[in-house]
Amino acid sequence: MGSTADKAKGMANEAAGKVKQGAGRMTGDRDLEAKGAAQELKGKSQKTIGKAKSAVKKAANL
């Protein structure tokens, strides 16, 4: 997967995770809230991977 795709999927997962967390808090569903937190963390990780790939590509092109 390319760096742009990683960043896009990361942002989508991060946003979906935040929504799940909010829904879990509003309904008192701790399981949904935890799943949202995990998905948000996954999204942040994906974005970091995308940024790292971009940095490597940039450094390789120097």
Foldseek 3Di string as FASTA:
>chain_A
DALVVLLVQLVVQLVQLVVQLVVCVVVVPVVSNVVSVVSNVSSVVSNVVSVVRVVVVVVVVD
